[in-house]
C-alpha atoms as a PDB file:
ATOM      1  CA  UNK A   1     -11.420 -39.659 -43.176  1.00  0.00           C
ATOM      2  CA  UNK A   2      -8.747 -39.607 -45.902  1.00  0.00           C
ATOM      3  CA  UNK A   3      -5.552 -38.881 -43.926  1.00  0.00           C
ATOM      4  CA  UNK A   4      -3.344 -38.868 -47.025  1.00  0.00           C
ATOM      5  CA  UNK A   5      -5.468 -36.187 -48.681  1.00  0.00           C
ATOM      6  CA  UNK A   6      -5.464 -34.121 -45.502  1.00  0.00           C
ATOM      7  CA  UNK A   7      -1.669 -34.387 -45.270  1.00  0.00           C
ATOM      8  CA  UNK A   8      -1.345 -33.276 -48.874  1.00  0.00           C
ATOM      9  CA  UNK A   9      -3.711 -30.363 -48.293  1.00  0.00           C
ATOM     10  CA  UNK A  10      -1.733 -29.289 -45.252  1.00  0.00           C
ATOM     11  CA  UNK A  11       1.646 -29.449 -47.007  1.00  0.00           C
ATOM     12  CA  UNK A  12       0.291 -27.557 -50.010  1.00  0.00           C
ATOM     13  CA  UNK A  13      -1.307 -24.908 -47.800  1.00  0.00           C
ATOM     14  CA  UNK A  14       1.947 -24.297 -45.939  1.00  0.00           C
ATOM     15  CA  UNK A  15       4.077 -24.078 -49.083  1.00  0.00           C
ATOM     16  CA  UNK A  16       1.621 -21.951 -51.059  1.00  0.00           C
ATOM     17  CA  UNK A  17       0.829 -19.590 -48.216  1.00  0.00           C
ATOM     18  CA  UNK A  18      -2.895 -20.467 -48.327  1.00  0.00           C
ATOM     19  CA  UNK A  19      -3.042 -21.815 -44.799  1.00  0.00           C
ATOM     20  CA  UNK A  20      -6.435 -20.195 -44.210  1.00  0.00           C
ATOM     21  CA  UNK A  21      -8.039 -22.542 -46.776  1.00  0.00           C
ATOM     22  CA  UNK A  22      -6.748 -25.594 -44.918  1.00  0.00           C
ATOM     23  CA  UNK A  23      -7.807 -24.091 -41.598  1.00  0.00           C
ATOM     24  CA  UNK A  24     -11.393 -23.615 -42.804  1.00  0.00           C
ATOM     25  CA  UNK A  25     -11.528 -27.197 -44.057  1.00  0.00           C
ATOM     26  CA  UNK A  26      -9.997 -28.615 -40.873  1.00  0.00           C
ATOM     27  CA  UNK A  27     -12.387 -26.647 -38.659  1.00  0.00           C
ATOM     28  CA  UNK A  28     -15.361 -28.155 -40.492  1.00  0.00           C
ATOM     29  CA  UNK A  29     -14.016 -31.722 -40.625  1.00  0.00           C
ATOM     30  CA  UNK A  30     -12.626 -31.983 -37.098  1.00  0.00           C
ATOM     31  CA  UNK A  31     -15.095 -29.853 -35.093  1.00  0.00           C
ATOM     32  CA  UNK A  32     -12.237 -28.544 -32.965  1.00  0.00           C
ATOM     33  CA  UNK A  33     -14.478 -26.449 -30.737  1.00  0.00           C
ATOM     34  CA  UNK A  34     -16.218 -29.637 -29.642  1.00  0.00           C
ATOM     35  CA  UNK A  35     -12.829 -31.268 -29.150  1.00  0.00           C
ATOM     36  CA  UNK A  36     -11.685 -28.469 -26.827  1.00  0.00           C
ATOM     37  CA  UNK A  37     -14.895 -28.740 -24.814  1.00  0.00           C
ATOM     38  CA  UNK A  38     -14.344 -32.470 -24.428  1.00  0.00           C
ATOM     39  CA  UNK A  39     -10.698 -32.012 -23.406  1.00  0.00           C
ATOM     40  CA  UNK A  40     -11.701 -29.475 -20.745  1.00  0.00           C
ATOM     41  CA  UNK A  41     -14.426 -31.732 -19.342  1.00  0.00           C
ATOM     42  CA  UNK A  42     -12.465 -35.005 -19.818  1.00  0.00           C
ATOM     43  CA  UNK A  43     -15.544 -36.515 -21.496  1.00  0.00           C
ATOM     44  CA  UNK A  44     -14.381 -37.809 -24.879  1.00  0.00           C
ATOM     45  CA  UNK A  45     -16.323 -38.866 -27.966  1.00  0.00           C
ATOM     46  CA  UNK A  46     -15.472 -40.015 -31.489  1.00  0.00           C
ATOM     47  CA  UNK A  47     -14.991 -36.339 -32.389  1.00  0.00           C
ATOM     48  CA  UNK A  48     -11.925 -36.171 -30.149  1.00  0.00           C
ATOM     49  CA  UNK A  49     -10.804 -39.584 -31.399  1.00  0.00           C
ATOM     50  CA  UNK A  50     -10.797 -38.392 -35.005  1.00  0.00           C
ATOM     51  CA  UNK A  51      -8.904 -35.211 -34.140  1.00  0.00           C
ATOM     52  CA  UNK A  52      -6.358 -37.255 -32.172  1.00  0.00           C
ATOM     53  CA  UNK A  53      -5.749 -39.610 -35.112  1.00  0.00           C
ATOM     54  CA  UNK A  54      -5.277 -36.694 -37.487  1.00  0.00           C
ATOM     55  CA  UNK A  55      -2.842 -34.974 -35.108  1.00  0.00           C
ATOM     56  CA  UNK A  56      -0.831 -38.137 -34.483  1.00  0.00           C
ATOM     57  CA  UNK A  57      -0.796 -38.914 -38.206  1.00  0.00           C
ATOM     58  CA  UNK A  58       0.450 -35.429 -39.069  1.00  0.00           C
ATOM     59  CA  UNK A  59       3.288 -35.622 -36.545  1.00  0.00           C
ATOM     60  CA  UNK A  60       4.335 -39.077 -37.771  1.00  0.00           C
ATOM     61  CA  UNK A  61       4.264 -37.780 -41.334  1.00  0.00           C
ATOM     62  CA  UNK A  62       6.584 -34.901 -40.404  1.00  0.00           C
ATOM     63  CA  UNK A  63       8.993 -37.280 -38.666  1.00  0.00           C
ATOM     64  CA  UNK A  64       9.070 -39.775 -41.560  1.00  0.00           C
ATOM     65  CA  UNK A  65       9.624 -36.901 -43.996  1.00  0.00           C
ATOM     66  CA  UNK A  66      12.845 -36.096 -42.139  1.00  0.00           C
ATOM     67  CA  UNK A  67      11.798 -32.695 -40.802  1.00  0.00           C
ATOM     68  CA  UNK A  68      13.871 -31.387 -37.888  1.00  0.00           C
ATOM     69  CA  UNK A  69      12.442 -30.824 -34.410  1.00  0.00           C
ATOM     70  CA  UNK A  70      12.477 -27.030 -34.750  1.00  0.00           C
ATOM     71  CA  UNK A  71      10.549 -27.183 -38.024  1.00  0.00           C
ATOM     72  CA  UNK A  72       8.006 -29.608 -36.573  1.00  0.00           C
ATOM     73  CA  UNK A  73       7.518 -27.481 -33.450  1.00  0.00           C
ATOM     74  CA  UNK A  74       7.009 -24.406 -35.604  1.00  0.00           C
ATOM     75  CA  UNK A  75       4.349 -26.227 -37.639  1.00  0.00           C
ATOM     76  CA  UNK A  76       2.593 -27.379 -34.446  1.00  0.00           C
ATOM     77  CA  UNK A  77       2.562 -23.807 -33.160  1.00  0.00           C
ATOM     78  CA  UNK A  78       1.234 -22.442 -36.464  1.00  0.00           C
ATOM     79  CA  UNK A  79      -1.644 -24.884 -36.584  1.00  0.00           C
ATOM     80  CA  UNK A  80      -2.455 -24.447 -32.910  1.00  0.00           C
ATOM     81  CA  UNK A  81      -2.864 -20.709 -33.482  1.00  0.00           C
ATOM     82  CA  UNK A  82      -4.477 -20.918 -36.933  1.00  0.00           C
ATOM     83  CA  UNK A  83      -7.027 -23.509 -35.844  1.00  0.00           C
ATOM     84  CA  UNK A  84      -7.714 -21.421 -32.716  1.00  0.00           C
ATOM     85  CA  UNK A  85      -7.087 -24.416 -30.490  1.00  0.00           C
ATOM     86  CA  UNK A  86      -5.762 -22.033 -27.841  1.00  0.00           C
ATOM     87  CA  UNK A  87      -4.507 -18.459 -27.488  1.00  0.00           C
ATOM     88  CA  UNK A  88      -1.140 -17.531 -28.992  1.00  0.00           C
ATOM     89  CA  UNK A  89       0.713 -17.634 -25.669  1.00  0.00           C
ATOM     90  CA  UNK A  90      -0.820 -20.959 -24.642  1.00  0.00           C
ATOM     91  CA  UNK A  91       0.048 -22.507 -28.028  1.00  0.00           C
ATOM     92  CA  UNK A  92       3.587 -21.191 -27.733  1.00  0.00           C
ATOM     93  CA  UNK A  93       4.091 -22.375 -24.152  1.00  0.00           C
ATOM     94  CA  UNK A  94       2.638 -25.845 -24.695  1.00  0.00           C
ATOM     95  CA  UNK A  95       4.681 -26.324 -27.873  1.00  0.00           C
ATOM     96  CA  UNK A  96       7.957 -25.306 -26.237  1.00  0.00           C
ATOM     97  CA  UNK A  97       7.396 -27.239 -22.993  1.00  0.00           C
ATOM     98  CA  UNK A  98       5.937 -30.473 -24.327  1.00  0.00           C
ATOM     99  CA  UNK A  99       6.481 -30.634 -28.090  1.00  0.00           C
ATOM    100  CA  UNK A 100       9.994 -32.052 -27.899  1.00  0.00           C
ATOM    101  CA  UNK A 101       8.905 -34.863 -25.591  1.00  0.00           C
ATOM    102  CA  UNK A 102       6.002 -35.833 -27.874  1.00  0.00           C
ATOM    103  CA  UNK A 103       8.282 -35.904 -30.920  1.00  0.00           C
ATOM    104  CA  UNK A 104      10.827 -38.070 -29.087  1.00  0.00           C
ATOM    105  CA  UNK A 105       8.176 -40.596 -28.070  1.00  0.00           C
ATOM    106  CA  UNK A 106       6.761 -40.821 -31.602  1.00  0.00           C
ATOM    107  CA  UNK A 107      10.261 -41.395 -32.979  1.00  0.00           C
ATOM    108  CA  UNK A 108      11.032 -44.172 -30.508  1.00  0.00           C
ATOM    109  CA  UNK A 109       7.716 -46.078 -30.447  1.00  0.00           C
ATOM    110  CA  UNK A 110       6.200 -47.912 -33.412  1.00  0.00           C
ATOM    111  CA  UNK A 111       2.472 -47.273 -33.025  1.00  0.00           C
ATOM    112  CA  UNK A 112      -0.261 -46.351 -35.475  1.00  0.00           C
ATOM    113  CA  UNK A 113      -2.479 -43.283 -34.904  1.00  0.00           C
ATOM    114  CA  UNK A 114      -5.339 -45.661 -34.028  1.00  0.00           C
ATOM    115  CA  UNK A 115      -3.204 -47.401 -31.383  1.00  0.00           C
ATOM    116  CA  UNK A 116      -1.956 -44.103 -29.951  1.00  0.00           C
ATOM    117  CA  UNK A 117      -5.409 -42.582 -29.654  1.00  0.00           C
ATOM    118  CA  UNK A 118      -7.003 -45.733 -28.304  1.00  0.00           C
ATOM    119  CA  UNK A 119      -4.470 -45.598 -25.473  1.00  0.00           C
ATOM    120  CA  UNK A 120      -4.739 -41.820 -24.868  1.00  0.00           C
ATOM    121  CA  UNK A 121      -8.503 -41.340 -25.244  1.00  0.00           C
ATOM    122  CA  UNK A 122      -9.857 -44.724 -24.201  1.00  0.00           C
ATOM    123  CA  UNK A 123     -13.254 -46.213 -24.975  1.00  0.00           C
ATOM    124  CA  UNK A 124     -14.317 -43.438 -27.361  1.00  0.00           C
ATOM    125  CA  UNK A 125     -11.475 -44.552 -29.643  1.00  0.00           C
ATOM    126  CA  UNK A 126     -12.265 -48.272 -29.401  1.00  0.00           C
ATOM    127  CA  UNK A 127      -9.988 -50.896 -27.891  1.00  0.00           C
ATOM    128  CA  UNK A 128      -7.278 -51.194 -30.561  1.00  0.00           C
ATOM    129  CA  UNK A 129      -4.885 -54.076 -29.898  1.00  0.00           C
ATOM    130  CA  UNK A 130      -1.272 -53.137 -29.254  1.00  0.00           C
ATOM    131  CA  UNK A 131       1.342 -55.838 -28.465  1.00  0.00           C
ATOM    132  CA  UNK A 132       3.364 -53.246 -26.534  1.00  0.00           C
ATOM    133  CA  UNK A 133       0.674 -53.386 -23.865  1.00  0.00           C
ATOM    134  CA  UNK A 134       0.996 -57.144 -23.345  1.00  0.00           C
ATOM    135  CA  UNK A 135       3.034 -57.013 -20.168  1.00  0.00           C
ATOM    136  CA  UNK A 136       4.206 -60.017 -18.188  1.00  0.00           C
ATOM    137  CA  UNK A 137       4.996 -59.230 -14.569  1.00  0.00           C
ATOM    138  CA  UNK A 138       6.573 -62.079 -12.598  1.00  0.00           C
ATOM    139  CA  UNK A 139       6.028 -62.025  -8.851  1.00  0.00           C
ATOM    140  CA  UNK A 140       8.197 -64.034  -6.439  1.00  0.00           C
ATOM    141  CA  UNK A 141       6.582 -67.256  -5.229  1.00  0.00           C
ATOM    142  CA  UNK A 142       5.056 -66.603  -1.840  1.00  0.00           C
ATOM    143  CA  UNK A 143       2.380 -68.358   0.121  1.00  0.00           C
ATOM    144  CA  UNK A 144      -1.001 -66.716  -0.164  1.00  0.00           C
ATOM    145  CA  UNK A 145      -2.172 -65.588   3.270  1.00  0.00           C
ATOM    146  CA  UNK A 146      -5.316 -67.074   4.703  1.00  0.00           C
ATOM    147  CA  UNK A 147      -8.367 -64.918   4.072  1.00  0.00           C
ATOM    148  CA  UNK A 148      -9.781 -63.595   7.315  1.00  0.00           C
ATOM    149  CA  UNK A 149     -13.282 -62.137   7.247  1.00  0.00           C
ATOM    150  CA  UNK A 150     -13.350 -58.583   8.648  1.00  0.00           C
ATOM    151  CA  UNK A 151     -14.583 -58.253  12.185  1.00  0.00           C
ATOM    152  CA  UNK A 152     -16.485 -55.173  13.328  1.00  0.00           C
ATOM    153  CA  UNK A 153     -14.731 -53.338  16.177  1.00  0.00           C
ATOM    154  CA  UNK A 154     -16.203 -53.675  19.626  1.00  0.00           C
ATOM    155  CA  UNK A 155     -18.159 -50.808  21.089  1.00  0.00           C
ATOM    156  CA  UNK A 156     -15.773 -48.418  22.785  1.00  0.00           C
ATOM    157  CA  UNK A 157     -12.750 -49.658  20.846  1.00  0.00           C
ATOM    158  CA  UNK A 158     -10.049 -47.031  20.273  1.00  0.00           C
ATOM    159  CA  UNK A 159     -10.255 -45.054  17.017  1.00  0.00           C
ATOM    160  CA  UNK A 160      -8.327 -42.309  15.283  1.00  0.00           C
ATOM    161  CA  UNK A 161      -9.075 -39.331  13.066  1.00  0.00           C
ATOM    162  CA  UNK A 162      -7.418 -38.869   9.663  1.00  0.00           C
ATOM    163  CA  UNK A 163      -7.435 -35.757   7.478  1.00  0.00           C
ATOM    164  CA  UNK A 164      -7.015 -36.254   3.718  1.00  0.00           C
ATOM    165  CA  UNK A 165      -6.078 -33.151   1.712  1.00  0.00           C
ATOM    166  CA  UNK A 166      -5.674 -33.209  -2.065  1.00  0.00           C
ATOM    167  CA  UNK A 167      -5.701 -30.980  -5.159  1.00  0.00           C
ATOM    168  CA  UNK A 168      -5.624 -27.561  -3.518  1.00  0.00           C
ATOM    169  CA  UNK A 169      -4.205 -26.043  -6.754  1.00  0.00           C
ATOM    170  CA  UNK A 170      -3.256 -22.777  -5.093  1.00  0.00           C
ATOM    171  CA  UNK A 171      -2.943 -19.963  -7.642  1.00  0.00           C
ATOM    172  CA  UNK A 172      -0.690 -17.127  -6.396  1.00  0.00           C
ATOM    173  CA  UNK A 173      -1.913 -14.971  -9.302  1.00  0.00           C
ATOM    174  CA  UNK A 174      -5.641 -15.309  -8.634  1.00  0.00           C
ATOM    175  CA  UNK A 175      -7.274 -11.884  -8.657  1.00  0.00           C
ATOM    176  CA  UNK A 176     -10.803 -11.139  -7.490  1.00  0.00           C
ATOM    177  CA  UNK A 177     -12.898  -9.351 -10.134  1.00  0.00           C
ATOM    178  CA  UNK A 178     -10.896 -10.516 -13.144  1.00  0.00           C
ATOM    179  CA  UNK A 179     -12.377 -12.409 -16.084  1.00  0.00           C
ATOM    180  CA  UNK A 180     -13.534 -15.910 -15.085  1.00  0.00           C
ATOM    181  CA  UNK A 181     -14.772 -16.650 -18.615  1.00  0.00           C
ATOM    182  CA  UNK A 182     -11.554 -16.274 -20.586  1.00  0.00           C
ATOM    183  CA  UNK A 183     -10.498 -18.268 -23.647  1.00  0.00           C
ATOM    184  CA  UNK A 184      -7.616 -20.070 -21.924  1.00  0.00           C
ATOM    185  CA  UNK A 185      -7.418 -23.207 -19.759  1.00  0.00           C
ATOM    186  CA  UNK A 186      -6.995 -21.093 -16.599  1.00  0.00           C
ATOM    187  CA  UNK A 187      -8.723 -17.785 -15.878  1.00  0.00           C
ATOM    188  CA  UNK A 188      -9.219 -15.371 -12.945  1.00  0.00           C
ATOM    189  CA  UNK A 189      -5.848 -13.643 -13.348  1.00  0.00           C
ATOM    190  CA  UNK A 190      -4.835 -10.083 -14.173  1.00  0.00           C
ATOM    191  CA  UNK A 191      -3.498 -11.336 -17.511  1.00  0.00           C
ATOM    192  CA  UNK A 192      -7.065 -12.375 -18.422  1.00  0.00           C
ATOM    193  CA  UNK A 193      -8.236  -8.767 -18.118  1.00  0.00           C
ATOM    194  CA  UNK A 194     -11.265  -7.395 -16.293  1.00  0.00           C
ATOM    195  CA  UNK A 195     -14.618  -9.171 -16.423  1.00  0.00           C
ATOM    196  CA  UNK A 196     -16.811  -7.972 -19.299  1.00  0.00           C
ATOM    197  CA  UNK A 197     -19.968  -8.365 -17.198  1.00  0.00           C
ATOM    198  CA  UNK A 198     -20.555  -8.536 -13.417  1.00  0.00           C
ATOM    199  CA  UNK A 199     -21.516 -12.219 -13.700  1.00  0.00           C
ATOM    200  CA  UNK A 200     -18.185 -13.010 -15.399  1.00  0.00           C
ATOM    201  CA  UNK A 201     -16.124 -11.640 -12.495  1.00  0.00           C
ATOM    202  CA  UNK A 202     -13.958 -13.918 -10.368  1.00  0.00           C
ATOM    203  CA  UNK A 203     -15.280 -14.221  -6.827  1.00  0.00           C
ATOM    204  CA  UNK A 204     -13.536 -13.340  -3.576  1.00  0.00           C
ATOM    205  CA  UNK A 205     -13.123 -16.927  -2.394  1.00  0.00           C
ATOM    206  CA  UNK A 206     -12.705 -18.576  -5.788  1.00  0.00           C
ATOM    207  CA  UNK A 207     -14.819 -19.486  -8.778  1.00  0.00           C
ATOM    208  CA  UNK A 208     -16.419 -22.655 -10.145  1.00  0.00           C
ATOM    209  CA  UNK A 209     -15.412 -21.824 -13.698  1.00  0.00           C
ATOM    210  CA  UNK A 210     -11.898 -22.235 -15.154  1.00  0.00           C
ATOM    211  CA  UNK A 211     -10.125 -20.915 -12.070  1.00  0.00           C
ATOM    212  CA  UNK A 212      -7.913 -22.252  -9.303  1.00  0.00           C
ATOM    213  CA  UNK A 213      -7.838 -21.461  -5.593  1.00  0.00           C
ATOM    214  CA  UNK A 214      -6.892 -18.068  -4.114  1.00  0.00           C
ATOM    215  CA  UNK A 215      -4.592 -18.018  -1.085  1.00  0.00           C
ATOM    216  CA  UNK A 216      -7.263 -16.669   1.256  1.00  0.00           C
ATOM    217  CA  UNK A 217      -9.419 -19.730   0.577  1.00  0.00           C
ATOM    218  CA  UNK A 218      -6.592 -22.178   1.277  1.00  0.00           C
ATOM    219  CA  UNK A 219      -5.752 -20.269   4.475  1.00  0.00           C
ATOM    220  CA  UNK A 220      -9.372 -20.194   5.645  1.00  0.00           C
ATOM    221  CA  UNK A 221      -9.908 -23.885   4.867  1.00  0.00           C
ATOM    222  CA  UNK A 222      -6.840 -25.080   6.777  1.00  0.00           C
ATOM    223  CA  UNK A 223      -7.459 -22.786   9.755  1.00  0.00           C
ATOM    224  CA  UNK A 224     -11.099 -23.918   9.925  1.00  0.00           C
ATOM    225  CA  UNK A 225     -10.074 -27.578   9.859  1.00  0.00           C
ATOM    226  CA  UNK A 226      -7.479 -27.042  12.606  1.00  0.00           C
ATOM    227  CA  UNK A 227      -9.953 -25.177  14.812  1.00  0.00           C
ATOM    228  CA  UNK A 228     -12.829 -27.603  14.236  1.00  0.00           C
ATOM    229  CA  UNK A 229     -10.791 -30.799  14.511  1.00  0.00           C
ATOM    230  CA  UNK A 230      -7.970 -30.288  17.025  1.00  0.00           C
ATOM    231  CA  UNK A 231      -7.719 -34.067  17.561  1.00  0.00           C
ATOM    232  CA  UNK A 232      -6.431 -35.099  14.113  1.00  0.00           C
ATOM    233  CA  UNK A 233      -4.032 -38.057  14.471  1.00  0.00           C
ATOM    234  CA  UNK A 234      -2.347 -37.796  11.096  1.00  0.00           C
ATOM    235  CA  UNK A 235      -2.734 -36.221   7.649  1.00  0.00           C
ATOM    236  CA  UNK A 236      -2.610 -37.841   4.211  1.00  0.00           C
ATOM    237  CA  UNK A 237      -1.598 -35.188   1.686  1.00  0.00           C
ATOM    238  CA  UNK A 238      -1.852 -36.354  -1.923  1.00  0.00           C
ATOM    239  CA  UNK A 239      -0.429 -33.467  -3.907  1.00  0.00           C
ATOM    240  CA  UNK A 240      -1.496 -31.429  -6.925  1.00  0.00           C
ATOM    241  CA  UNK A 241      -0.544 -28.120  -5.338  1.00  0.00           C
ATOM    242  CA  UNK A 242       0.396 -25.902  -8.347  1.00  0.00           C
ATOM    243  CA  UNK A 243      -2.217 -24.187 -10.549  1.00  0.00           C
ATOM    244  CA  UNK A 244      -3.322 -25.354 -13.995  1.00  0.00           C
ATOM    245  CA  UNK A 245      -1.270 -22.866 -16.046  1.00  0.00           C
ATOM    246  CA  UNK A 246       0.566 -25.827 -17.556  1.00  0.00           C
ATOM    247  CA  UNK A 247       1.799 -23.819 -20.551  1.00  0.00           C
ATOM    248  CA  UNK A 248       3.644 -21.363 -18.324  1.00  0.00           C
ATOM    249  CA  UNK A 249       5.072 -23.401 -15.453  1.00  0.00           C
ATOM    250  CA  UNK A 250       8.689 -23.599 -14.357  1.00  0.00           C
ATOM    251  CA  UNK A 251      10.512 -25.831 -11.923  1.00  0.00           C
ATOM    252  CA  UNK A 252      11.322 -22.871  -9.644  1.00  0.00           C
ATOM    253  CA  UNK A 253       7.717 -21.668  -9.557  1.00  0.00           C
ATOM    254  CA  UNK A 254       6.382 -25.129  -8.684  1.00  0.00           C
ATOM    255  CA  UNK A 255       9.029 -25.572  -5.984  1.00  0.00           C
ATOM    256  CA  UNK A 256       8.113 -22.217  -4.455  1.00  0.00           C
ATOM    257  CA  UNK A 257       4.433 -23.223  -4.238  1.00  0.00           C
ATOM    258  CA  UNK A 258       5.455 -26.561  -2.726  1.00  0.00           C
ATOM    259  CA  UNK A 259       7.720 -24.953  -0.111  1.00  0.00           C
ATOM    260  CA  UNK A 260       5.171 -22.256   0.799  1.00  0.00           C
ATOM    261  CA  UNK A 261       2.399 -24.827   1.223  1.00  0.00           C
ATOM    262  CA  UNK A 262       4.624 -27.144   3.279  1.00  0.00           C
ATOM    263  CA  UNK A 263       5.411 -24.270   5.666  1.00  0.00           C
ATOM    264  CA  UNK A 264       1.707 -23.465   5.885  1.00  0.00           C
ATOM    265  CA  UNK A 265       0.787 -27.079   6.701  1.00  0.00           C
ATOM    266  CA  UNK A 266       3.479 -27.425   9.378  1.00  0.00           C
ATOM    267  CA  UNK A 267       2.442 -24.117  10.956  1.00  0.00           C
ATOM    268  CA  UNK A 268      -1.293 -24.930  10.911  1.00  0.00           C
ATOM    269  CA  UNK A 269      -0.950 -28.507  12.189  1.00  0.00           C
ATOM    270  CA  UNK A 270       2.051 -28.459  14.549  1.00  0.00           C
ATOM    271  CA  UNK A 271       3.069 -31.877  15.787  1.00  0.00           C
ATOM    272  CA  UNK A 272       0.635 -33.763  13.553  1.00  0.00           C
ATOM    273  CA  UNK A 273       2.341 -36.394  11.326  1.00  0.00           C
ATOM    274  CA  UNK A 274       1.907 -35.562   7.644  1.00  0.00           C
ATOM    275  CA  UNK A 275       2.351 -38.216   4.945  1.00  0.00           C
ATOM    276  CA  UNK A 276       2.712 -36.484   1.543  1.00  0.00           C
ATOM    277  CA  UNK A 277       2.804 -37.853  -1.992  1.00  0.00           C
ATOM    278  CA  UNK A 278       3.310 -36.228  -5.378  1.00  0.00           C
ATOM    279  CA  UNK A 279       0.552 -35.598  -7.884  1.00  0.00           C
ATOM    280  CA  UNK A 280       0.830 -35.250 -11.641  1.00  0.00           C
ATOM    281  CA  UNK A 281       0.925 -31.437 -11.329  1.00  0.00           C
ATOM    282  CA  UNK A 282       4.011 -31.216  -9.118  1.00  0.00           C
ATOM    283  CA  UNK A 283       6.430 -31.709 -12.010  1.00  0.00           C
ATOM    284  CA  UNK A 284       7.313 -29.092 -14.576  1.00  0.00           C
ATOM    285  CA  UNK A 285       6.268 -29.727 -17.296  1.00  0.00           C
ATOM    286  CA  UNK A 286       3.087 -31.289 -15.993  1.00  0.00           C
ATOM    287  CA  UNK A 287       2.692 -35.102 -15.938  1.00  0.00           C
ATOM    288  CA  UNK A 288       6.434 -35.665 -16.211  1.00  0.00           C
ATOM    289  CA  UNK A 289       6.813 -37.376 -12.864  1.00  0.00           C
ATOM    290  CA  UNK A 290      10.282 -38.713 -13.565  1.00  0.00           C
ATOM    291  CA  UNK A 291      11.912 -35.266 -13.278  1.00  0.00           C
END
């Protein structure tokens, strides 16, 4: 693909007001509908690789041209909406929450679009060499312990029972009967409107489509576990509690879900040691685990 020509087309389209012409061309060249399907399923192909390289190249072009962050974010939002990558509110939320961080990283790191996308997408984008990934980690000199073959426990040896809970993704805004086949990353909410057909309606206990978990399901699951297994010795709790509305999350909202779920766990399993850890969804914005 000729990136330079595509950059020129994009700049011309913006300045001349003929953005629709560029949009039509980009839709045909990049197959963005296929890209969105692959992003949702986490199964990438060269289609997503190409789109990633174009996106990274466009952002680097804006930065090198000296455009300010506000202007770049506005362009990202415009193309997100025009190319129908997501709904208007999702494009706006993602741009505001994550755009500044992406721009900062691209300014600070010298990487080509091929190197960026090889790292982000993986095998579908080939294994492009990047010296930044040649890490040398020095460990202190210690004696290697003697390898001891595992020994099966004797019959009647003491044992213990462990409960592992992960990725509950409780959605406080889940609503039974709403549209489970919406055009956003997360559905089954009042904001998605009513289901257009009975088969598109969100179920009482949840839905296998693009929906997270209603409170009644989390409650029923934990109560069932406590009643069925009263002899749990300890619990490993590996996070990812908030829902997938990553374009609309706030620190306060995520903390509320965390506190509510902690209270629920302590109440349901009194006296049982719980060992929690954070997932990538605990932070707001998502994946920013340093905040």
